[in-house]
Structure formats: C-alpha cells, structure tokens
Amino acid sequence: MSVKTQVVDKMLTNRNNFKFFFQEYFEPVFQFARKYTEDEDIARDIAQDAFIRLYERRADFDAMEKAKSFVYITARNLCLDHLKHRKIEHQYAQIIKTEEEEAEEQFYLEEVTYQETLRILRAAIDQLPPQTREVILVSLDGKNNNEIAETLGISVNSVKTLKKNAYKSLREILGKHYLLILLLLFENYS
C-alpha cells in the first residue's frame, strides 16, 4: 500500500491526513474548475466546495482513487451548475433588456404623440383672438375660472364666455381631430 493510499485510508480518523490530501490536490482541482468557469475566484470557490463535500463524506472512501474521482466529479458538477446558472442569468438579463427597450419605445411613441398633439393644439390656440387665447393658456396651466379671472383682471362671467367661444373656435379649427386631441391631453394630465 502506497503512502498516498494510506493517507486516504486514515482520512476517516485523522484531520492531518485530510489536510495533506487537500494540499496535494487543491491546486489541480482549482485549475480544472478554472478551465470550465474562466474565472479564478469562482473556480477557487468551486474547488473549496468540492473538498468540503469530500470532507463531509470522507467515511465513504477507502481508496485515494475514489476520493480523487469524487473531488473531480463534484468540481465538474459544480462548474456545470454554475454555468447553467450564469446562462439563466444571461437569459433573464436579455428578457429584462428587451422589456426595457419595449417600454422605452412605448414611452418614445407616447411622448412624440403627446408633443405633436400639443404642437397642433398650440397652433390652433394661436389662431384665437388675444384675450380668448390668454384665457385658454391660463386654463391649460390648471387654473379654475375664478383664478383665471383674478389673473387676467376680468370677471368670471367673461372667463366663461371667452372659454365657450374658444372651445367653439377650436372645434372648428381642429375639425375631426378636436376630440382626439382633448382625449390625448386629458390622458396625459390625469
């Protein structure tokens, strides 16, 4: 029986012998794992995990070859698990990236539509008489009739009349797009 075989045989009762086995085979197992993972830190962790599992099951081995086989097979399985996990992470990241790109594209389209709607509405508002235009612009800032009247120094009844006339004119200027523009604006303000 060789010295190395005796070491494995005595692993059952002697921690120093396990330490010797660990020191003898850790580097080759680490290098083996590094070939799979292409990452030194992960390979080191995998090699350590393989030896921990060997230590936990050391009573099952009566020959060095069985212990060596177990360590290498365990390291390989841990490497494969790591690679599968990394692949799943990559796939998940791709899904998230795709969803983010789709959300960005949706935001882009909504924002372009909104800005274009505002442009059309502003062009229509610019065609209104000056005081009517002012009432509508202040109204678009979110002010109520009383606040508009106070801001512009006119009566509340004047504000109501000017708004009524403005809406009528805007309906004529915008034609069939009037309701669509109001819906789009209302949706963005809510």
N, C-alpha and C. Protein backbone atom coordinates (compact mmCIF):
# COMPACT_ATOMS: atom_id res chain seq x y z
N MET A 1 0.86 -1.17 0.00
CA MET A 1 0.00 0.00 0.00
C MET A 1 0.90 1.24 0.00
N SER A 2 0.65 2.18 -0.93
CA SER A 2 1.49 3.38 -1.02
C SER A 2 1.15 4.35 0.10
N VAL A 3 2.04 5.35 0.27
CA VAL A 3 1.84 6.35 1.31
C VAL A 3 0.56 7.14 1.05
N LYS A 4 0.34 7.51 -0.22
CA LYS A 4 -0.86 8.29 -0.55
C LYS A 4 -2.12 7.49 -0.28
N THR A 5 -2.11 6.21 -0.59
CA THR A 5 -3.28 5.37 -0.33
C THR A 5 -3.51 5.26 1.16
N GLN A 6 -2.44 5.14 1.94
CA GLN A 6 -2.58 5.07 3.38
C GLN A 6 -3.18 6.35 3.93
N VAL A 7 -2.79 7.49 3.31
CA VAL A 7 -3.34 8.77 3.75
C VAL A 7 -4.85 8.77 3.62
N VAL A 8 -5.35 8.31 2.47
CA VAL A 8 -6.79 8.29 2.27
C VAL A 8 -7.43 7.33 3.24
N ASP A 9 -6.81 6.18 3.45
CA ASP A 9 -7.38 5.21 4.37
C ASP A 9 -7.51 5.78 5.77
N LYS A 10 -6.58 6.60 6.16
CA LYS A 10 -6.60 7.16 7.51
C LYS A 10 -7.38 8.47 7.57
N MET A 11 -7.90 8.95 6.43
CA MET A 11 -8.68 10.18 6.42
C MET A 11 -9.88 10.07 7.35
N LEU A 12 -10.35 8.88 7.55
CA LEU A 12 -11.53 8.66 8.36
C LEU A 12 -11.32 9.17 9.79
N THR A 13 -10.11 9.07 10.28
CA THR A 13 -9.88 9.42 11.68
C THR A 13 -8.89 10.54 11.88
N ASN A 14 -8.15 10.95 10.87
CA ASN A 14 -7.05 11.87 11.06
C ASN A 14 -7.20 13.12 10.18
N ARG A 15 -7.40 14.26 10.80
CA ARG A 15 -7.57 15.52 10.06
C ARG A 15 -6.28 15.95 9.37
N ASN A 16 -5.16 15.64 9.94
CA ASN A 16 -3.88 16.00 9.31
C ASN A 16 -3.74 15.29 7.96
N ASN A 17 -4.21 14.08 7.89
CA ASN A 17 -4.14 13.35 6.62
C ASN A 17 -5.07 13.98 5.57
N PHE A 18 -6.23 14.44 6.01
CA PHE A 18 -7.12 15.13 5.07
C PHE A 18 -6.46 16.42 4.60
N LYS A 19 -5.82 17.11 5.53
CA LYS A 19 -5.11 18.34 5.18
C LYS A 19 -4.04 18.06 4.12
N PHE A 20 -3.30 16.97 4.29
CA PHE A 20 -2.29 16.59 3.30
C PHE A 20 -2.95 16.33 1.94
N PHE A 21 -4.05 15.60 1.93
CA PHE A 21 -4.78 15.31 0.68
C PHE A 21 -5.26 16.61 0.04
N PHE A 22 -5.79 17.51 0.86
CA PHE A 22 -6.27 18.80 0.37
C PHE A 22 -5.12 19.58 -0.27
N GLN A 23 -3.99 19.68 0.41
CA GLN A 23 -2.85 20.42 -0.11
C GLN A 23 -2.31 19.79 -1.39
N GLU A 24 -2.38 18.49 -1.49
CA GLU A 24 -1.87 17.77 -2.66
C GLU A 24 -2.76 17.98 -3.90
N TYR A 25 -4.07 18.04 -3.69
CA TYR A 25 -4.99 18.04 -4.83
C TYR A 25 -5.78 19.34 -5.04
N PHE A 26 -5.68 20.28 -4.12
CA PHE A 26 -6.46 21.51 -4.29
C PHE A 26 -6.08 22.24 -5.58
N GLU A 27 -4.82 22.47 -5.81
CA GLU A 27 -4.38 23.22 -6.99
C GLU A 27 -4.85 22.56 -8.29
N PRO A 28 -4.67 21.25 -8.47
CA PRO A 28 -5.16 20.64 -9.72
C PRO A 28 -6.68 20.75 -9.88
N VAL A 29 -7.41 20.60 -8.79
CA VAL A 29 -8.86 20.72 -8.87
C VAL A 29 -9.25 22.17 -9.18
N PHE A 30 -8.57 23.10 -8.57
CA PHE A 30 -8.80 24.53 -8.85
C PHE A 30 -8.55 24.83 -10.32
N GLN A 31 -7.44 24.37 -10.87
CA GLN A 31 -7.11 24.61 -12.28
C GLN A 31 -8.15 23.95 -13.19
N PHE A 32 -8.60 22.78 -12.80
CA PHE A 32 -9.64 22.06 -13.54
C PHE A 32 -10.91 22.92 -13.60
N ALA A 33 -11.32 23.45 -12.45
CA ALA A 33 -12.53 24.29 -12.39
C ALA A 33 -12.34 25.60 -13.15
N ARG A 34 -11.14 26.14 -13.13
CA ARG A 34 -10.86 27.40 -13.83
C ARG A 34 -11.04 27.24 -15.33
N LYS A 35 -10.69 26.06 -15.85
CA LYS A 35 -10.88 25.81 -17.29
C LYS A 35 -12.37 25.88 -17.65
N TYR A 36 -13.21 25.38 -16.76
CA TYR A 36 -14.65 25.43 -17.02
C TYR A 36 -15.21 26.84 -16.88
N THR A 37 -14.87 27.50 -15.79
CA THR A 37 -15.52 28.77 -15.45
C THR A 37 -14.84 29.99 -16.04
N GLU A 38 -13.55 29.87 -16.35
CA GLU A 38 -12.76 31.00 -16.84
C GLU A 38 -12.76 32.17 -15.85
N ASP A 39 -12.89 31.84 -14.56
CA ASP A 39 -12.90 32.85 -13.51
C ASP A 39 -12.21 32.27 -12.28
N GLU A 40 -11.10 32.89 -11.89
CA GLU A 40 -10.31 32.33 -10.79
C GLU A 40 -11.07 32.29 -9.47
N ASP A 41 -11.77 33.35 -9.14
CA ASP A 41 -12.48 33.39 -7.86
C ASP A 41 -13.57 32.32 -7.79
N ILE A 42 -14.32 32.19 -8.85
CA ILE A 42 -15.37 31.18 -8.87
C ILE A 42 -14.76 29.79 -8.85
N ALA A 43 -13.69 29.59 -9.59
CA ALA A 43 -13.02 28.28 -9.61
C ALA A 43 -12.49 27.94 -8.22
N ARG A 44 -11.95 28.91 -7.53
CA ARG A 44 -11.44 28.68 -6.17
C ARG A 44 -12.59 28.27 -5.26
N ASP A 45 -13.72 28.98 -5.35
CA ASP A 45 -14.89 28.63 -4.54
C ASP A 45 -15.39 27.22 -4.84
N ILE A 46 -15.42 26.88 -6.11
CA ILE A 46 -15.89 25.56 -6.51
C ILE A 46 -14.95 24.48 -5.98
N ALA A 47 -13.65 24.70 -6.10
CA ALA A 47 -12.69 23.71 -5.59
C ALA A 47 -12.87 23.55 -4.08
N GLN A 48 -13.03 24.64 -3.38
CA GLN A 48 -13.24 24.55 -1.93
C GLN A 48 -14.52 23.80 -1.61
N ASP A 49 -15.60 24.09 -2.34
CA ASP A 49 -16.86 23.37 -2.11
C ASP A 49 -16.71 21.88 -2.36
N ALA A 50 -15.96 21.53 -3.39
CA ALA A 50 -15.75 20.11 -3.70
C ALA A 50 -15.02 19.42 -2.54
N PHE A 51 -14.03 20.07 -1.98
CA PHE A 51 -13.30 19.48 -0.85
C PHE A 51 -14.14 19.44 0.42
N ILE A 52 -14.98 20.42 0.61
CA ILE A 52 -15.89 20.40 1.76
C ILE A 52 -16.82 19.20 1.65
N ARG A 53 -17.34 18.97 0.46
CA ARG A 53 -18.23 17.81 0.26
C ARG A 53 -17.49 16.50 0.47
N LEU A 54 -16.24 16.46 0.03
CA LEU A 54 -15.43 15.26 0.27
C LEU A 54 -15.24 15.06 1.77
N TYR A 55 -14.94 16.14 2.47
CA TYR A 55 -14.71 16.02 3.91
C TYR A 55 -15.97 15.53 4.61
N GLU A 56 -17.12 16.04 4.20
CA GLU A 56 -18.38 15.62 4.82
C GLU A 56 -18.67 14.15 4.57
N ARG A 57 -18.17 13.60 3.46
CA ARG A 57 -18.44 12.19 3.11
C ARG A 57 -17.17 11.34 3.19
N ARG A 58 -16.17 11.81 3.91
CA ARG A 58 -14.88 11.13 3.95
C ARG A 58 -14.97 9.68 4.41
N ALA A 59 -15.95 9.35 5.19
CA ALA A 59 -16.09 7.97 5.67
C ALA A 59 -16.48 7.02 4.54
N ASP A 60 -16.97 7.54 3.43
CA ASP A 60 -17.40 6.69 2.30
C ASP A 60 -16.23 6.22 1.44
N PHE A 61 -15.03 6.73 1.65
CA PHE A 61 -13.92 6.44 0.74
C PHE A 61 -12.84 5.62 1.44
N ASP A 62 -12.51 4.51 0.79
CA ASP A 62 -11.48 3.65 1.35
C ASP A 62 -10.23 3.60 0.46
N ALA A 63 -10.25 4.36 -0.63
CA ALA A 63 -9.08 4.41 -1.52
C ALA A 63 -8.94 5.81 -2.09
N MET A 64 -7.68 6.18 -2.33
CA MET A 64 -7.38 7.52 -2.84
C MET A 64 -8.05 7.77 -4.18
N GLU A 65 -8.05 6.78 -5.04
CA GLU A 65 -8.63 6.97 -6.38
C GLU A 65 -10.11 7.33 -6.29
N LYS A 66 -10.82 6.71 -5.36
CA LYS A 66 -12.24 7.04 -5.20
C LYS A 66 -12.41 8.48 -4.70
N ALA A 67 -11.56 8.89 -3.77
CA ALA A 67 -11.63 10.26 -3.25
C ALA A 67 -11.29 11.26 -4.34
N LYS A 68 -10.24 10.98 -5.13
CA LYS A 68 -9.87 11.88 -6.23
C LYS A 68 -11.01 11.97 -7.24
N SER A 69 -11.56 10.83 -7.61
CA SER A 69 -12.67 10.83 -8.56
C SER A 69 -13.83 11.66 -8.05
N PHE A 70 -14.14 11.45 -6.77
CA PHE A 70 -15.25 12.19 -6.17
C PHE A 70 -15.00 13.70 -6.24
N VAL A 71 -13.80 14.16 -5.90
CA VAL A 71 -13.48 15.58 -5.91
C VAL A 71 -13.60 16.16 -7.31
N TYR A 72 -13.06 15.46 -8.30
CA TYR A 72 -13.12 15.97 -9.68
C TYR A 72 -14.55 15.95 -10.21
N ILE A 73 -15.28 14.89 -9.95
CA ILE A 73 -16.67 14.81 -10.42
C ILE A 73 -17.51 15.90 -9.75
N THR A 74 -17.29 16.08 -8.45
CA THR A 74 -18.03 17.12 -7.73
C THR A 74 -17.69 18.49 -8.29
N ALA A 75 -16.41 18.74 -8.52
CA ALA A 75 -15.99 20.03 -9.09
C ALA A 75 -16.62 20.24 -10.46
N ARG A 76 -16.61 19.21 -11.29
CA ARG A 76 -17.21 19.33 -12.62
C ARG A 76 -18.70 19.66 -12.51
N ASN A 77 -19.41 18.95 -11.63
CA ASN A 77 -20.85 19.19 -11.47
C ASN A 77 -21.12 20.60 -10.95
N LEU A 78 -20.29 21.06 -10.02
CA LEU A 78 -20.46 22.43 -9.53
C LEU A 78 -20.18 23.45 -10.63
N CYS A 79 -19.19 23.17 -11.47
CA CYS A 79 -18.90 24.05 -12.61
C CYS A 79 -20.09 24.09 -13.57
N LEU A 80 -20.63 22.93 -13.87
CA LEU A 80 -21.77 22.88 -14.79
C LEU A 80 -22.97 23.61 -14.19
N ASP A 81 -23.21 23.43 -12.89
CA ASP A 81 -24.30 24.16 -12.23
C ASP A 81 -24.08 25.66 -12.32
N HIS A 82 -22.84 26.06 -12.10
CA HIS A 82 -22.51 27.50 -12.20
C HIS A 82 -22.77 28.02 -13.61
N LEU A 83 -22.33 27.26 -14.61
CA LEU A 83 -22.51 27.70 -16.00
C LEU A 83 -24.00 27.75 -16.36
N LYS A 84 -24.78 26.78 -15.89
CA LYS A 84 -26.23 26.81 -16.14
C LYS A 84 -26.85 28.04 -15.49
N HIS A 85 -26.43 28.29 -14.26
CA HIS A 85 -26.97 29.45 -13.54
C HIS A 85 -26.60 30.75 -14.27
N ARG A 86 -25.37 30.83 -14.73
CA ARG A 86 -24.92 32.02 -15.46
C ARG A 86 -25.71 32.17 -16.77
N LYS A 87 -25.98 31.05 -17.43
CA LYS A 87 -26.76 31.10 -18.67
C LYS A 87 -28.18 31.60 -18.39
N ILE A 88 -28.77 31.10 -17.31
CA ILE A 88 -30.12 31.54 -16.94
C ILE A 88 -30.11 33.03 -16.59
N GLU A 89 -29.09 33.47 -15.86
CA GLU A 89 -28.98 34.90 -15.54
C GLU A 89 -28.88 35.72 -16.82
N HIS A 90 -28.09 35.23 -17.77
CA HIS A 90 -27.93 35.95 -19.04
C HIS A 90 -29.26 36.02 -19.79
N GLN A 91 -29.99 34.89 -19.82
CA GLN A 91 -31.28 34.88 -20.50
C GLN A 91 -32.25 35.84 -19.82
N TYR A 92 -32.24 35.83 -18.49
CA TYR A 92 -33.12 36.73 -17.75
C TYR A 92 -32.76 38.19 -18.04
N ALA A 93 -31.45 38.47 -18.06
CA ALA A 93 -31.00 39.83 -18.35
C ALA A 93 -31.45 40.25 -19.75
N GLN A 94 -31.41 39.33 -20.70
CA GLN A 94 -31.87 39.63 -22.06
C GLN A 94 -33.36 39.93 -22.08
N ILE A 95 -34.13 39.17 -21.31
CA ILE A 95 -35.58 39.41 -21.24
C ILE A 95 -35.84 40.78 -20.66
N ILE A 96 -35.15 41.10 -19.56
CA ILE A 96 -35.32 42.40 -18.92
C ILE A 96 -34.92 43.52 -19.89
N LYS A 97 -33.80 43.32 -20.58
CA LYS A 97 -33.32 44.32 -21.53
C LYS A 97 -34.36 44.54 -22.63
N THR A 98 -34.92 43.45 -23.15
CA THR A 98 -35.94 43.54 -24.20
C THR A 98 -37.17 44.28 -23.68
N GLU A 99 -37.59 43.94 -22.45
CA GLU A 99 -38.76 44.61 -21.88
C GLU A 99 -38.48 46.10 -21.68
N GLU A 100 -37.28 46.43 -21.23
CA GLU A 100 -36.92 47.84 -21.05
C GLU A 100 -36.90 48.57 -22.39
N GLU A 101 -36.37 47.90 -23.42
CA GLU A 101 -36.34 48.52 -24.74
C GLU A 101 -37.75 48.74 -25.27
N GLU A 102 -38.63 47.75 -25.04
CA GLU A 102 -40.02 47.90 -25.48
C GLU A 102 -40.71 49.03 -24.72
N ALA A 103 -40.45 49.11 -23.41
CA ALA A 103 -41.04 50.18 -22.60
C ALA A 103 -40.51 51.54 -23.07
N GLU A 104 -39.23 51.60 -23.37
CA GLU A 104 -38.62 52.84 -23.86
C GLU A 104 -39.24 53.23 -25.20
N GLU A 105 -39.43 52.25 -26.06
CA GLU A 105 -40.05 52.51 -27.36
C GLU A 105 -41.48 53.00 -27.18
N GLN A 106 -42.23 52.38 -26.25
CA GLN A 106 -43.61 52.80 -25.97
C GLN A 106 -43.62 54.22 -25.43
N PHE A 107 -42.71 54.52 -24.49
CA PHE A 107 -42.62 55.87 -23.93
C PHE A 107 -42.31 56.87 -25.04
N TYR A 108 -41.37 56.51 -25.91
CA TYR A 108 -40.98 57.38 -27.01
C TYR A 108 -42.19 57.70 -27.89
N LEU A 109 -42.92 56.66 -28.27
CA LEU A 109 -44.08 56.87 -29.14
C LEU A 109 -45.14 57.72 -28.45
N GLU A 110 -45.40 57.43 -27.18
CA GLU A 110 -46.39 58.22 -26.44
C GLU A 110 -45.95 59.67 -26.31
N GLU A 111 -44.68 59.88 -26.03
CA GLU A 111 -44.18 61.24 -25.85
C GLU A 111 -44.21 62.01 -27.18
N VAL A 112 -43.85 61.36 -28.28
CA VAL A 112 -43.91 62.01 -29.59
C VAL A 112 -45.35 62.38 -29.92
N THR A 113 -46.26 61.45 -29.66
CA THR A 113 -47.68 61.71 -29.93
C THR A 113 -48.17 62.88 -29.09
N TYR A 114 -47.80 62.87 -27.81
CA TYR A 114 -48.22 63.94 -26.91
C TYR A 114 -47.67 65.29 -27.36
N GLN A 115 -46.37 65.33 -27.67
CA GLN A 115 -45.75 66.60 -28.09
C GLN A 115 -46.35 67.10 -29.41
N GLU A 116 -46.62 66.19 -30.32
CA GLU A 116 -47.21 66.57 -31.60
C GLU A 116 -48.64 67.08 -31.38
N THR A 117 -49.36 66.45 -30.48
CA THR A 117 -50.71 66.90 -30.14
C THR A 117 -50.66 68.31 -29.57
N LEU A 118 -49.71 68.54 -28.65
CA LEU A 118 -49.56 69.89 -28.08
C LEU A 118 -49.22 70.91 -29.16
N ARG A 119 -48.37 70.54 -30.10
CA ARG A 119 -47.99 71.45 -31.18
C ARG A 119 -49.22 71.85 -31.99
N ILE A 120 -50.03 70.86 -32.35
CA ILE A 120 -51.24 71.13 -33.14
C ILE A 120 -52.20 72.01 -32.33
N LEU A 121 -52.34 71.69 -31.03
CA LEU A 121 -53.24 72.47 -30.18
C LEU A 121 -52.73 73.90 -30.03
N ARG A 122 -51.43 74.08 -29.83
CA ARG A 122 -50.87 75.44 -29.70
C ARG A 122 -51.06 76.25 -30.97
N ALA A 123 -50.88 75.58 -32.11
CA ALA A 123 -51.08 76.26 -33.39
C ALA A 123 -52.54 76.72 -33.51
N ALA A 124 -53.47 75.87 -33.05
CA ALA A 124 -54.88 76.24 -33.11
C ALA A 124 -55.17 77.37 -32.12
N ILE A 125 -54.61 77.30 -30.93
CA ILE A 125 -54.82 78.34 -29.91
C ILE A 125 -54.25 79.68 -30.40
N ASP A 126 -53.14 79.64 -31.12
CA ASP A 126 -52.55 80.88 -31.64
C ASP A 126 -53.47 81.59 -32.63
N GLN A 127 -54.42 80.89 -33.18
CA GLN A 127 -55.37 81.49 -34.13
C GLN A 127 -56.53 82.20 -33.43
N LEU A 128 -56.63 82.04 -32.12
CA LEU A 128 -57.72 82.66 -31.36
C LEU A 128 -57.43 84.14 -31.13
N PRO A 129 -58.48 84.93 -30.89
CA PRO A 129 -58.27 86.34 -30.54
C PRO A 129 -57.42 86.43 -29.25
N PRO A 130 -56.67 87.52 -29.08
CA PRO A 130 -55.70 87.63 -27.96
C PRO A 130 -56.27 87.33 -26.57
N GLN A 131 -57.40 87.95 -26.19
CA GLN A 131 -57.91 87.72 -24.83
C GLN A 131 -58.44 86.29 -24.68
N THR A 132 -59.05 85.76 -25.70
CA THR A 132 -59.54 84.37 -25.66
C THR A 132 -58.34 83.41 -25.55
N ARG A 133 -57.31 83.71 -26.30
CA ARG A 133 -56.08 82.89 -26.24
C ARG A 133 -55.51 82.90 -24.82
N GLU A 134 -55.46 84.07 -24.18
CA GLU A 134 -54.94 84.17 -22.82
C GLU A 134 -55.75 83.32 -21.84
N VAL A 135 -57.07 83.37 -21.97
CA VAL A 135 -57.94 82.59 -21.08
C VAL A 135 -57.64 81.10 -21.23
N ILE A 136 -57.51 80.63 -22.45
CA ILE A 136 -57.25 79.21 -22.69
C ILE A 136 -55.86 78.82 -22.18
N LEU A 137 -54.86 79.65 -22.41
CA LEU A 137 -53.50 79.32 -21.95
C LEU A 137 -53.42 79.26 -20.42
N VAL A 138 -54.07 80.19 -19.76
CA VAL A 138 -54.10 80.17 -18.29
C VAL A 138 -54.90 78.96 -17.81
N SER A 139 -55.94 78.64 -18.51
CA SER A 139 -56.75 77.46 -18.18
C SER A 139 -55.93 76.17 -18.32
N LEU A 140 -55.08 76.10 -19.34
CA LEU A 140 -54.23 74.92 -19.54
C LEU A 140 -53.18 74.77 -18.43
N ASP A 141 -52.91 75.86 -17.72
CA ASP A 141 -52.00 75.79 -16.58
C ASP A 141 -52.68 75.19 -15.36
N GLY A 142 -53.95 74.85 -15.49
CA GLY A 142 -54.66 74.18 -14.40
C GLY A 142 -55.46 75.10 -13.50
N LYS A 143 -55.61 76.35 -13.90
CA LYS A 143 -56.35 77.29 -13.05
C LYS A 143 -57.84 77.21 -13.35
N ASN A 144 -58.65 77.42 -12.28
CA ASN A 144 -60.10 77.41 -12.46
C ASN A 144 -60.57 78.80 -12.90
N ASN A 145 -61.87 78.90 -13.15
CA ASN A 145 -62.42 80.16 -13.68
C ASN A 145 -62.14 81.35 -12.76
N ASN A 146 -62.29 81.17 -11.45
CA ASN A 146 -62.05 82.28 -10.52
C ASN A 146 -60.58 82.71 -10.57
N GLU A 147 -59.66 81.77 -10.62
CA GLU A 147 -58.23 82.08 -10.68
C GLU A 147 -57.87 82.76 -12.00
N ILE A 148 -58.50 82.30 -13.09
CA ILE A 148 -58.26 82.92 -14.39
C ILE A 148 -58.73 84.37 -14.38
N ALA A 149 -59.92 84.59 -13.83
CA ALA A 149 -60.49 85.94 -13.75
C ALA A 149 -59.57 86.84 -12.95
N GLU A 150 -59.08 86.35 -11.83
CA GLU A 150 -58.19 87.14 -10.98
C GLU A 150 -56.86 87.42 -11.69
N THR A 151 -56.29 86.40 -12.34
CA THR A 151 -55.02 86.55 -13.03
C THR A 151 -55.10 87.57 -14.16
N LEU A 152 -56.18 87.52 -14.93
CA LEU A 152 -56.31 88.39 -16.11
C LEU A 152 -57.04 89.70 -15.81
N GLY A 153 -57.59 89.83 -14.60
CA GLY A 153 -58.28 91.07 -14.24
C GLY A 153 -59.60 91.26 -14.96
N ILE A 154 -60.32 90.15 -15.17
CA ILE A 154 -61.63 90.22 -15.82
C ILE A 154 -62.63 89.48 -14.94
N SER A 155 -63.92 89.60 -15.29
CA SER A 155 -64.94 88.95 -14.47
C SER A 155 -65.00 87.44 -14.79
N VAL A 156 -65.56 86.72 -13.83
CA VAL A 156 -65.72 85.27 -14.01
C VAL A 156 -66.65 84.99 -15.19
N ASN A 157 -67.69 85.81 -15.36
CA ASN A 157 -68.61 85.62 -16.48
C ASN A 157 -67.88 85.81 -17.82
N SER A 158 -66.97 86.78 -17.85
CA SER A 158 -66.18 87.00 -19.08
C SER A 158 -65.33 85.77 -19.37
N VAL A 159 -64.74 85.20 -18.31
CA VAL A 159 -63.93 83.99 -18.48
C VAL A 159 -64.78 82.87 -19.07
N LYS A 160 -65.97 82.68 -18.52
CA LYS A 160 -66.86 81.62 -19.00
C LYS A 160 -67.23 81.84 -20.48
N THR A 161 -67.57 83.07 -20.82
CA THR A 161 -67.94 83.39 -22.21
C THR A 161 -66.75 83.18 -23.15
N LEU A 162 -65.58 83.68 -22.75
CA LEU A 162 -64.40 83.54 -23.60
C LEU A 162 -64.01 82.07 -23.78
N LYS A 163 -64.15 81.29 -22.72
CA LYS A 163 -63.85 79.85 -22.83
C LYS A 163 -64.84 79.18 -23.79
N LYS A 164 -66.11 79.52 -23.64
CA LYS A 164 -67.13 78.93 -24.51
C LYS A 164 -66.83 79.25 -25.97
N ASN A 165 -66.50 80.50 -26.25
CA ASN A 165 -66.17 80.91 -27.62
C ASN A 165 -64.89 80.22 -28.10
N ALA A 166 -63.90 80.07 -27.18
CA ALA A 166 -62.63 79.43 -27.54
C ALA A 166 -62.86 77.96 -27.93
N TYR A 167 -63.65 77.27 -27.15
CA TYR A 167 -63.90 75.85 -27.45
C TYR A 167 -64.62 75.69 -28.79
N LYS A 168 -65.55 76.59 -29.05
CA LYS A 168 -66.27 76.55 -30.32
C LYS A 168 -65.29 76.78 -31.49
N SER A 169 -64.43 77.79 -31.34
CA SER A 169 -63.45 78.09 -32.39
C SER A 169 -62.45 76.95 -32.56
N LEU A 170 -61.99 76.39 -31.45
CA LEU A 170 -61.04 75.28 -31.52
C LEU A 170 -61.65 74.06 -32.21
N ARG A 171 -62.93 73.80 -31.94
CA ARG A 171 -63.60 72.69 -32.62
C ARG A 171 -63.61 72.90 -34.13
N GLU A 172 -63.85 74.14 -34.56
CA GLU A 172 -63.86 74.44 -35.98
C GLU A 172 -62.45 74.35 -36.58
N ILE A 173 -61.46 74.89 -35.87
CA ILE A 173 -60.08 74.89 -36.38
C ILE A 173 -59.53 73.47 -36.45
N LEU A 174 -59.77 72.69 -35.41
CA LEU A 174 -59.20 71.34 -35.34
C LEU A 174 -60.04 70.31 -36.08
N GLY A 175 -61.30 70.63 -36.33
CA GLY A 175 -62.17 69.73 -37.07
C GLY A 175 -62.34 68.38 -36.37
N LYS A 176 -62.19 67.31 -37.14
CA LYS A 176 -62.43 65.96 -36.61
C LYS A 176 -61.38 65.54 -35.59
N HIS A 177 -60.27 66.24 -35.49
CA HIS A 177 -59.21 65.89 -34.54
C HIS A 177 -59.44 66.47 -33.15
N TYR A 178 -60.46 67.31 -33.00
CA TYR A 178 -60.71 68.01 -31.75
C TYR A 178 -60.86 67.04 -30.57
N LEU A 179 -61.74 66.07 -30.69
CA LEU A 179 -61.97 65.12 -29.59
C LEU A 179 -60.74 64.27 -29.30
N LEU A 180 -60.07 63.86 -30.34
CA LEU A 180 -58.85 63.07 -30.17
C LEU A 180 -57.79 63.87 -29.40
N ILE A 181 -57.62 65.10 -29.74
CA ILE A 181 -56.63 65.95 -29.06
C ILE A 181 -57.02 66.14 -27.60
N LEU A 182 -58.29 66.41 -27.34
CA LEU A 182 -58.73 66.57 -25.96
C LEU A 182 -58.52 65.29 -25.15
N LEU A 183 -58.83 64.15 -25.75
CA LEU A 183 -58.62 62.86 -25.05
C LEU A 183 -57.14 62.63 -24.75
N LEU A 184 -56.29 62.88 -25.72
CA LEU A 184 -54.85 62.69 -25.50
C LEU A 184 -54.31 63.61 -24.42
N LEU A 185 -54.74 64.86 -24.46
CA LEU A 185 -54.29 65.81 -23.44
C LEU A 185 -54.82 65.44 -22.08
N PHE A 186 -56.09 65.07 -22.00
CA PHE A 186 -56.69 64.71 -20.71
C PHE A 186 -55.99 63.48 -20.13
N GLU A 187 -55.68 62.51 -20.97
CA GLU A 187 -55.00 61.29 -20.53
C GLU A 187 -53.63 61.62 -19.93
N ASN A 188 -52.90 62.54 -20.52
CA ASN A 188 -51.58 62.91 -20.02
C ASN A 188 -51.64 63.80 -18.79
N TYR A 189 -52.73 64.50 -18.59
CA TYR A 189 -52.85 65.35 -17.40
C TYR A 189 -53.39 64.58 -16.21
N SER A 190 -53.96 63.40 -16.44
CA SER A 190 -54.54 62.65 -15.32
C SER A 190 -53.54 61.74 -14.67
